[in-house]
Every structure is written in C-alpha cells, then in structure tokens.
PDB file of N, CA and C in Angstrom:
ATOM      1  N   MET A   1       6.597  -8.003  11.960  1.00  0.00           N
ATOM      2  CA  MET A   1       6.618  -6.762  11.283  1.00  0.00           C
ATOM      3  C   MET A   1       7.252  -5.817  11.631  1.00  0.00           C
ATOM      4  N   SER A   2       8.539  -5.341  11.373  1.00  0.00           N
ATOM      5  CA  SER A   2       9.016  -4.355  11.787  1.00  0.00           C
ATOM      6  C   SER A   2       8.311  -3.013  11.678  1.00  0.00           C
ATOM      7  N   ALA A   3       8.441  -2.037  12.598  1.00  0.00           N
ATOM      8  CA  ALA A   3       7.799  -0.861  12.768  1.00  0.00           C
ATOM      9  C   ALA A   3       8.076  -0.098  11.713  1.00  0.00           C
ATOM     10  N   GLY A   4       9.221  -0.312  10.895  1.00  0.00           N
ATOM     11  CA  GLY A   4      10.085   0.527   9.790  1.00  0.00           C
ATOM     12  C   GLY A   4       9.051   0.268   8.443  1.00  0.00           C
ATOM     13  N   LYS A   5       8.761  -0.891   8.306  1.00  0.00           N
ATOM     14  CA  LYS A   5       8.493  -1.478   7.148  1.00  0.00           C
ATOM     15  C   LYS A   5       7.040  -1.235   7.025  1.00  0.00           C
ATOM     16  N   LYS A   6       6.261  -2.015   8.357  1.00  0.00           N
ATOM     17  CA  LYS A   6       4.784  -1.272   8.578  1.00  0.00           C
ATOM     18  C   LYS A   6       4.448  -0.019   7.943  1.00  0.00           C
ATOM     19  N   ALA A   7       5.185   0.953   8.705  1.00  0.00           N
ATOM     20  CA  ALA A   7       5.097   2.592   8.520  1.00  0.00           C
ATOM     21  C   ALA A   7       5.489   2.840   6.708  1.00  0.00           C
ATOM     22  N   LYS A   8       6.308   2.213   6.437  1.00  0.00           N
ATOM     23  CA  LYS A   8       6.419   2.108   5.036  1.00  0.00           C
ATOM     24  C   LYS A   8       5.206   1.798   3.764  1.00  0.00           C
ATOM     25  N   HIS A   9       4.664   0.663   4.171  1.00  0.00           N
ATOM     26  CA  HIS A   9       4.014   0.210   3.581  1.00  0.00           C
ATOM     27  C   HIS A   9       2.219   0.848   3.758  1.00  0.00           C
ATOM     28  N   THR A  10       2.302   1.294   5.088  1.00  0.00           N
ATOM     29  CA  THR A  10       1.057   2.212   5.503  1.00  0.00           C
ATOM     30  C   THR A  10       0.902   3.164   4.483  1.00  0.00           C
ATOM     31  N   ALA A  11       2.202   4.276   4.290  1.00  0.00           N
ATOM     32  CA  ALA A  11       2.357   5.349   3.903  1.00  0.00           C
ATOM     33  C   ALA A  11       2.143   5.087   2.475  1.00  0.00           C
ATOM     34  N   THR A  12       2.385   3.821   1.781  1.00  0.00           N
ATOM     35  CA  THR A  12       2.460   3.651   0.384  1.00  0.00           C
ATOM     36  C   THR A  12       0.944   3.459   0.052  1.00  0.00           C
ATOM     37  N   GLU A  13       0.006   2.995   1.014  1.00  0.00           N
ATOM     38  CA  GLU A  13      -1.144   3.057   0.711  1.00  0.00           C
ATOM     39  C   GLU A  13      -2.041   4.513   1.004  1.00  0.00           C
ATOM     40  N   ALA A  14      -1.237   5.155   2.034  1.00  0.00           N
ATOM     41  CA  ALA A  14      -2.113   6.706   2.065  1.00  0.00           C
ATOM     42  C   ALA A  14      -1.625   7.301   0.913  1.00  0.00           C
ATOM     43  N   LYS A  15      -0.497   7.279   0.418  1.00  0.00           N
ATOM     44  CA  LYS A  15      -0.421   7.987  -0.769  1.00  0.00           C
ATOM     45  C   LYS A  15      -1.015   7.692  -2.081  1.00  0.00           C
ATOM     46  N   GLY A  16      -1.337   6.378  -2.182  1.00  0.00           N
ATOM     47  CA  GLY A  16      -2.322   6.001  -3.325  1.00  0.00           C
ATOM     48  C   GLY A  16      -3.728   6.184  -2.854  1.00  0.00           C
ATOM     49  N   LYS A  17      -4.161   6.450  -1.845  1.00  0.00           N
ATOM     50  CA  LYS A  17      -5.371   7.104  -1.640  1.00  0.00           C
ATOM     51  C   LYS A  17      -5.440   8.687  -2.290  1.00  0.00           C
ATOM     52  N   VAL A  18      -4.544   9.213  -1.784  1.00  0.00           N
ATOM     53  CA  VAL A  18      -4.282  10.670  -1.787  1.00  0.00           C
ATOM     54  C   VAL A  18      -4.273  11.157  -3.487  1.00  0.00           C
ATOM     55  N   GLU A  19      -3.496  10.016  -3.867  1.00  0.00           N
ATOM     56  CA  GLU A  19      -3.306  10.109  -5.463  1.00  0.00           C
ATOM     57  C   GLU A  19      -4.673   9.932  -6.218  1.00  0.00           C
ATOM     58  N   GLU A  20      -5.409   8.559  -5.560  1.00  0.00           N
ATOM     59  CA  GLU A  20      -6.619   8.193  -6.449  1.00  0.00           C
ATOM     60  C   GLU A  20      -7.517   9.647  -6.614  1.00  0.00           C
ATOM     61  N   ALA A  21      -7.883  10.210  -4.876  1.00  0.00           N
ATOM     62  CA  ALA A  21      -8.645  11.272  -4.785  1.00  0.00           C
ATOM     63  C   ALA A  21      -8.340  12.359  -5.468  1.00  0.00           C
ATOM     64  N   THR A  22      -6.900  12.909  -5.519  1.00  0.00           N
ATOM     65  CA  THR A  22      -6.631  13.863  -6.568  1.00  0.00           C
ATOM     66  C   THR A  22      -6.967  13.814  -8.276  1.00  0.00           C
ATOM     67  N   GLY A  23      -6.688  12.408  -8.539  1.00  0.00           N
ATOM     68  CA  GLY A  23      -6.945  12.099  -9.628  1.00  0.00           C
ATOM     69  C   GLY A  23      -8.289  12.067 -10.331  1.00  0.00           C
ATOM     70  N   LYS A  24      -9.046  11.742  -9.119  1.00  0.00           N
ATOM     71  CA  LYS A  24     -10.918  11.853  -9.249  1.00  0.00           C
ATOM     72  C   LYS A  24     -11.254  13.520  -9.675  1.00  0.00           C
ATOM     73  N   THR A  25     -10.632  14.131  -8.488  1.00  0.00           N
ATOM     74  CA  THR A  25     -11.180  15.769  -8.608  1.00  0.00           C
ATOM     75  C   THR A  25     -10.414  16.390  -9.994  1.00  0.00           C
ATOM     76  N   VAL A  26      -9.412  15.962 -10.596  1.00  0.00           N
ATOM     77  CA  VAL A  26      -9.033  16.665 -11.753  1.00  0.00           C
ATOM     78  C   VAL A  26      -9.712  15.727 -12.812  1.00  0.00           C
ATOM     79  N   GLY A  27      -9.990  14.914 -12.889  1.00  0.00           N
ATOM     80  CA  GLY A  27     -10.190  14.110 -14.054  1.00  0.00           C
ATOM     81  C   GLY A  27      -9.234  13.299 -14.876  1.00  0.00           C
ATOM     82  N   ASN A  28      -8.153  13.017 -13.317  1.00  0.00           N
ATOM     83  CA  ASN A  28      -6.865  12.657 -14.468  1.00  0.00           C
ATOM     84  C   ASN A  28      -7.050  10.900 -14.387  1.00  0.00           C
ATOM     85  N   GLU A  29      -7.473  10.175 -15.322  1.00  0.00           N
ATOM     86  CA  GLU A  29      -7.432   8.852 -15.362  1.00  0.00           C
ATOM     87  C   GLU A  29      -6.048   8.085 -15.115  1.00  0.00           C
ATOM     88  N   ARG A  30      -4.962   8.585 -15.643  1.00  0.00           N
ATOM     89  CA  ARG A  30      -3.555   8.193 -15.454  1.00  0.00           C
ATOM     90  C   ARG A  30      -3.308   8.336 -13.714  1.00  0.00           C
ATOM     91  N   LEU A  31      -3.641   9.514 -13.070  1.00  0.00           N
ATOM     92  CA  LEU A  31      -3.541   9.285 -11.700  1.00  0.00           C
ATOM     93  C   LEU A  31      -4.421   8.808 -10.899  1.00  0.00           C
ATOM     94  N   ILE A  32      -5.778   8.729 -10.966  1.00  0.00           N
ATOM     95  CA  ILE A  32      -6.573   7.290 -10.674  1.00  0.00           C
ATOM     96  C   ILE A  32      -6.114   5.934 -10.413  1.00  0.00           C
ATOM     97  N   ALA A  33      -5.715   5.698 -11.501  1.00  0.00           N
ATOM     98  CA  ALA A  33      -4.879   4.244 -11.999  1.00  0.00           C
ATOM     99  C   ALA A  33      -3.462   4.146 -10.966  1.00  0.00           C
ATOM    100  N   LYS A  34      -2.978   5.153 -10.824  1.00  0.00           N
ATOM    101  CA  LYS A  34      -1.356   4.904 -10.276  1.00  0.00           C
ATOM    102  C   LYS A  34      -1.791   5.309  -8.955  1.00  0.00           C
ATOM    103  N   GLY A  35      -2.923   5.879  -8.382  1.00  0.00           N
ATOM    104  CA  GLY A  35      -3.273   5.674  -7.016  1.00  0.00           C
ATOM    105  C   GLY A  35      -3.500   4.235  -6.564  1.00  0.00           C
ATOM    106  N   LYS A  36      -4.495   3.878  -7.224  1.00  0.00           N
ATOM    107  CA  LYS A  36      -4.953   2.108  -7.029  1.00  0.00           C
ATOM    108  C   LYS A  36      -3.667   1.314  -6.952  1.00  0.00           C
ATOM    109  N   ALA A  37      -3.100   1.436  -8.097  1.00  0.00           N
ATOM    110  CA  ALA A  37      -1.869   0.637  -7.991  1.00  0.00           C
ATOM    111  C   ALA A  37      -0.916   0.648  -6.769  1.00  0.00           C
ATOM    112  N   ASP A  38      -0.975   2.342  -6.295  1.00  0.00           N
ATOM    113  CA  ASP A  38       0.054   2.224  -5.042  1.00  0.00           C
ATOM    114  C   ASP A  38      -0.875   1.605  -3.730  1.00  0.00           C
ATOM    115  N   GLN A  39      -2.230   1.784  -3.912  1.00  0.00           N
ATOM    116  CA  GLN A  39      -2.381   0.937  -2.661  1.00  0.00           C
ATOM    117  C   GLN A  39      -2.628  -0.625  -2.580  1.00  0.00           C
ATOM    118  N   VAL A  40      -2.880  -0.882  -3.859  1.00  0.00           N
ATOM    119  CA  VAL A  40      -2.349  -2.389  -3.952  1.00  0.00           C
ATOM    120  C   VAL A  40      -1.181  -3.116  -3.393  1.00  0.00           C
ATOM    121  N   ARG A  41      -0.095  -1.904  -3.828  1.00  0.00           N
ATOM    122  CA  ARG A  41       1.149  -2.453  -3.532  1.00  0.00           C
ATOM    123  C   ARG A  41       1.376  -2.837  -2.396  1.00  0.00           C
ATOM    124  N   GLY A  42       0.671  -1.216  -1.531  1.00  0.00           N
ATOM    125  CA  GLY A  42       0.956  -1.405  -0.126  1.00  0.00           C
ATOM    126  C   GLY A  42       0.491  -2.431   0.764  1.00  0.00           C
ATOM    127  N   ALA A  43      -0.722  -2.748   0.503  1.00  0.00           N
ATOM    128  CA  ALA A  43      -1.692  -3.900   1.133  1.00  0.00           C
ATOM    129  C   ALA A  43      -0.977  -5.070   0.546  1.00  0.00           C
ATOM    130  N   THR A  44      -0.374  -5.527  -0.403  1.00  0.00           N
ATOM    131  CA  THR A  44       0.554  -6.648  -1.061  1.00  0.00           C
ATOM    132  C   THR A  44       1.620  -6.798  -0.086  1.00  0.00           C
ATOM    133  N   ALA A  45       2.105  -5.797  -0.058  1.00  0.00           N
ATOM    134  CA  ALA A  45       3.461  -5.713   0.995  1.00  0.00           C
ATOM    135  C   ALA A  45       3.279  -5.865   2.368  1.00  0.00           C
ATOM    136  N   GLN A  46       1.720  -5.797   2.842  1.00  0.00           N
ATOM    137  CA  GLN A  46       1.840  -5.841   3.966  1.00  0.00           C
ATOM    138  C   GLN A  46       1.492  -7.308   4.113  1.00  0.00           C
ATOM    139  N   ALA A  47       0.403  -7.933   3.544  1.00  0.00           N
ATOM    140  CA  ALA A  47       0.255  -9.177   3.837  1.00  0.00           C
ATOM    141  C   ALA A  47       1.051 -10.212   3.482  1.00  0.00           C
ATOM    142  N   GLY A  48       1.794  -9.691   2.576  1.00  0.00           N
ATOM    143  CA  GLY A  48       3.347 -10.785   2.234  1.00  0.00           C
ATOM    144  C   GLY A  48       4.161 -10.587   3.732  1.00  0.00           C
ATOM    145  N   ARG A  49       4.375  -9.517   4.111  1.00  0.00           N
ATOM    146  CA  ARG A  49       4.811  -9.408   6.009  1.00  0.00           C
ATOM    147  C   ARG A  49       4.144 -10.282   6.929  1.00  0.00           C
ATOM    148  N   LYS A  50       3.090  -9.897   6.913  1.00  0.00           N
ATOM    149  CA  LYS A  50       2.469 -10.480   7.749  1.00  0.00           C
ATOM    150  C   LYS A  50       2.297 -12.235   7.808  1.00  0.00           C
ATOM    151  N   ALA A  51       2.299 -12.996   6.628  1.00  0.00           N
ATOM    152  CA  ALA A  51       2.260 -14.185   6.111  1.00  0.00           C
ATOM    153  C   ALA A  51       4.084 -14.684   6.444  1.00  0.00           C
ATOM    154  N   LYS A  52       4.926 -13.836   6.166  1.00  0.00           N
ATOM    155  CA  LYS A  52       6.381 -14.205   6.258  1.00  0.00           C
ATOM    156  C   LYS A  52       5.932 -14.253   7.936  1.00  0.00           C
ATOM    157  N   ASP A  53       5.923 -13.284   8.964  1.00  0.00           N
ATOM    158  CA  ASP A  53       6.225 -13.413  10.332  1.00  0.00           C
ATOM    159  C   ASP A  53       5.008 -14.431  10.856  1.00  0.00           C
ATOM    160  N   ALA A  54       4.070 -14.713   9.880  1.00  0.00           N
ATOM    161  CA  ALA A  54       3.225 -16.102  10.749  1.00  0.00           C
ATOM    162  C   ALA A  54       4.237 -17.422  10.506  1.00  0.00           C
ATOM    163  N   LEU A  55       4.582 -17.597   9.249  1.00  0.00           N
ATOM    164  CA  LEU A  55       5.427 -18.688   9.404  1.00  0.00           C
ATOM    165  C   LEU A  55       6.713 -18.754   9.959  1.00  0.00           C
ATOM    166  N   LYS A  56       7.233 -17.594  10.346  1.00  0.00           N
ATOM    167  CA  LYS A  56       8.472 -17.808  11.233  1.00  0.00           C
ATOM    168  C   LYS A  56       8.089 -18.115  12.670  1.00  0.00           C
ATOM    169  N   ASP A  57       6.657 -17.436  13.048  1.00  0.00           N
ATOM    170  CA  ASP A  57       6.103 -17.725  14.373  1.00  0.00           C
ATOM    171  C   ASP A  57       6.152 -19.635  14.420  1.00  0.00           C
ATOM    172  N   LEU A  58       5.811 -20.178  13.355  1.00  0.00           N
ATOM    173  CA  LEU A  58       5.663 -21.305  13.570  1.00  0.00           C
ATOM    174  C   LEU A  58       6.687 -22.069  13.857  1.00  0.00           C
ATOM    175  N   THR A  59       7.821 -21.908  13.572  1.00  0.00           N
ATOM    176  CA  THR A  59       8.988 -22.750  13.411  1.00  0.00           C
ATOM    177  C   THR A  59       9.676 -22.494  14.688  1.00  0.00           C
TER     178      THR A  59
END
C-alpha cells in the first residue's frame, strides 16, 4: 500500500474518532453516527488495499 493512501485512510479513521468523541460530548447523535461511519470507511479501505496488495504479491 502506498504511504499516501495509508495516511489518507488512517486520517479518515482518526477524523471519525474525533467526530464520535465530539458527538458524545455534546450529545449529537448525528455526529456520533458520522464519526463511526468514517472509522468504518477508513478501516474498510485499508483492508481492501491490504487484500489487493496480498493478491498482487501472489502473482
């Protein structure tokens, strides 16, 4: 996985954690949900890239 894409996906997860924490602090359910969604989006993208890289290494 390229360093740039990994950083982007990690940043998405971190942003999600901050949004979720902020949402919990202020009691905003929508912000909590958005934060959780960003975390899942970042983790899924990283997993997809890792799988793609693993398949590339096999061939």
